Amino acid sequence: MALLLIPRYTQLVFSLLRLENTGDKFSHVKQILGDFTAGQVNVLIFFTFLAHQTLVTIDAIFRTVVRLTITRRNLLEWETAAQSEMESKRKTPVDVYLDWTPAVTLLLADYSPHSGPRTFGRVANLGFVALF
């Protein structure tokens, strides 16, 4: 605990020693005491949550040891994204959409009410771009 409080108190002492060189002493003392109070609150919050953090860490260690030695269940099995995609043969709706976009674009160009050579060329270019 002293290791966490020593920097706060040394900062307070050195700030008060430098106080004689400043012109506005009241605002400087107010700033020094504000910084000291904030440091004390930080140490208090650290110690408040230290017990909880310790319990969470001990629980994680205990669960890991039990899983590794007794149950052998819920262990992590690493799998890369490439392995996951190779095992998945089913196409997602996005894959189906991307596969059908060029054909639908060309069909719409063929049956559009203002179809002409210029319209077909524009829509065919969109279909060609959608292929890639």
Protein backbone atom coordinates (compact mmCIF):
# COMPACT_ATOMS: atom_id res chain seq x y z
CA MET A 1 0.00 0.00 0.00
CA ALA A 2 2.87 2.33 0.77
CA LEU A 3 4.24 1.83 -2.75
CA LEU A 4 1.05 3.26 -4.22
CA LEU A 5 0.89 6.18 -1.78
CA ILE A 6 4.56 7.28 -1.83
CA PRO A 7 4.36 8.98 -5.27
CA ARG A 8 1.28 10.95 -4.19
CA TYR A 9 2.92 12.24 -1.01
CA THR A 10 6.25 13.06 -2.67
CA GLN A 11 4.39 14.98 -5.35
CA LEU A 12 2.56 16.90 -2.61
CA VAL A 13 5.79 17.73 -0.76
CA PHE A 14 7.69 18.86 -3.87
CA SER A 15 4.73 20.91 -5.08
CA LEU A 16 4.52 22.68 -1.73
CA LEU A 17 8.28 23.34 -1.80
CA ARG A 18 7.95 25.01 -5.20
CA LEU A 19 5.09 27.13 -3.87
CA GLU A 20 7.31 30.05 -2.82
CA ASN A 21 8.33 30.75 -6.43
CA THR A 22 4.81 31.35 -7.70
CA GLY A 23 2.90 34.61 -7.60
CA ASP A 24 -0.67 33.42 -7.03
CA LYS A 25 -0.33 31.10 -4.03
CA PHE A 26 -4.03 30.47 -3.38
CA SER A 27 -4.83 29.05 -6.83
CA HIS A 28 -1.59 27.04 -6.80
CA VAL A 29 -2.41 25.48 -3.38
CA LYS A 30 -5.93 24.75 -4.61
CA GLN A 31 -4.49 22.95 -7.66
CA ILE A 32 -2.00 21.00 -5.50
CA LEU A 33 -4.69 19.83 -3.08
CA GLY A 34 -7.00 18.90 -5.96
CA ASP A 35 -4.29 16.75 -7.54
CA PHE A 36 -3.47 15.16 -4.17
CA THR A 37 -7.15 14.36 -3.52
CA ALA A 38 -7.54 12.85 -6.99
CA GLY A 39 -4.48 10.66 -6.39
CA GLN A 40 -5.88 9.47 -3.05
CA VAL A 41 -9.23 8.63 -4.66
CA ASN A 42 -7.45 6.67 -7.41
CA VAL A 43 -5.61 4.59 -4.81
CA LEU A 44 -8.86 4.01 -2.90
CA ILE A 45 -10.65 2.85 -6.06
CA PHE A 46 -7.72 0.59 -6.93
CA PHE A 47 -7.88 -1.12 -3.54
CA THR A 48 -11.66 -1.32 -3.68
CA PHE A 49 -11.62 -3.30 -6.91
CA LEU A 50 -8.48 -5.27 -6.07
CA ALA A 51 -10.45 -7.83 -4.02
CA HIS A 52 -12.94 -8.40 -6.85
CA GLN A 53 -10.17 -8.71 -9.43
CA THR A 54 -8.40 -11.24 -7.20
CA LEU A 55 -11.56 -13.35 -6.85
CA VAL A 56 -12.19 -13.32 -10.61
CA THR A 57 -8.60 -14.35 -11.32
CA ILE A 58 -8.66 -17.16 -8.75
CA ASP A 59 -11.97 -18.39 -10.19
CA ALA A 60 -10.52 -18.44 -13.72
CA ILE A 61 -7.44 -20.35 -12.57
CA PHE A 62 -9.55 -22.86 -10.64
CA ARG A 63 -11.89 -23.46 -13.61
CA THR A 64 -8.95 -23.93 -15.96
CA VAL A 65 -7.27 -26.46 -13.69
CA VAL A 66 -10.53 -28.40 -13.26
CA ARG A 67 -11.17 -28.43 -17.02
CA LEU A 68 -7.63 -29.54 -17.82
CA THR A 69 -7.40 -32.28 -15.18
CA ILE A 70 -10.90 -33.54 -14.36
CA THR A 71 -13.69 -32.80 -16.85
CA ARG A 72 -11.70 -32.25 -20.07
CA ARG A 73 -14.76 -30.30 -21.34
CA ASN A 74 -15.18 -26.74 -22.66
CA LEU A 75 -11.56 -26.48 -23.72
CA LEU A 76 -10.76 -24.06 -26.52
CA GLU A 77 -10.14 -25.51 -29.95
CA TRP A 78 -8.52 -23.04 -32.28
CA GLU A 79 -9.75 -22.92 -35.85
CA THR A 80 -8.72 -20.42 -38.48
CA ALA A 81 -11.23 -18.61 -40.64
CA ALA A 82 -9.93 -20.45 -43.71
CA GLN A 83 -10.54 -23.82 -42.06
CA SER A 84 -14.03 -22.76 -41.11
CA GLU A 85 -14.85 -21.68 -44.67
CA MET A 86 -13.45 -24.89 -46.16
CA GLU A 87 -15.68 -27.02 -43.93
CA SER A 88 -18.77 -24.94 -44.72
CA LYS A 89 -20.11 -26.11 -48.10
CA ARG A 90 -23.44 -24.27 -47.79
CA LYS A 91 -23.71 -20.88 -49.48
CA THR A 92 -24.89 -17.92 -47.52
CA PRO A 93 -27.64 -15.61 -48.85
CA VAL A 94 -24.98 -13.02 -49.64
CA ASP A 95 -23.08 -15.52 -51.81
CA VAL A 96 -26.27 -16.39 -53.69
CA TYR A 97 -27.08 -12.70 -54.15
CA LEU A 98 -23.61 -11.96 -55.51
CA ASP A 99 -23.78 -14.95 -57.86
CA TRP A 100 -27.14 -13.87 -59.34
CA THR A 101 -26.51 -10.09 -59.59
CA PRO A 102 -24.92 -10.08 -63.10
CA ALA A 103 -27.62 -12.30 -64.61
CA VAL A 104 -30.46 -10.26 -63.11
CA THR A 105 -28.82 -7.04 -64.30
CA LEU A 106 -28.58 -8.31 -67.86
CA LEU A 107 -32.20 -9.54 -67.79
CA LEU A 108 -33.40 -6.17 -66.55
CA ALA A 109 -31.46 -4.45 -69.30
CA ASP A 110 -33.11 -6.67 -71.87
CA TYR A 111 -36.64 -6.04 -70.62
CA SER A 112 -36.43 -2.40 -69.61
CA PRO A 113 -39.07 -0.15 -71.24
CA HIS A 114 -36.44 2.23 -72.58
CA SER A 115 -34.24 -0.49 -73.92
CA GLY A 116 -32.05 0.56 -76.71
CA PRO A 117 -28.44 0.17 -77.64
CA ARG A 118 -27.29 2.91 -75.23
CA THR A 119 -29.33 1.61 -72.26
CA PHE A 120 -28.23 -1.95 -72.82
CA GLY A 121 -24.60 -0.88 -72.94
CA ARG A 122 -24.85 0.98 -69.63
CA VAL A 123 -26.61 -1.86 -67.83
CA ALA A 124 -24.34 -4.49 -69.40
CA ASN A 125 -21.36 -2.54 -68.05
CA LEU A 126 -22.94 -2.67 -64.58
CA GLY A 127 -23.41 -6.43 -64.94
CA PHE A 128 -19.82 -6.82 -66.07
CA VAL A 129 -18.58 -4.83 -63.09
CA ALA A 130 -20.75 -6.93 -60.76
CA LEU A 131 -18.95 -10.06 -62.00
CA PHE A 132 -15.79 -8.80 -60.37
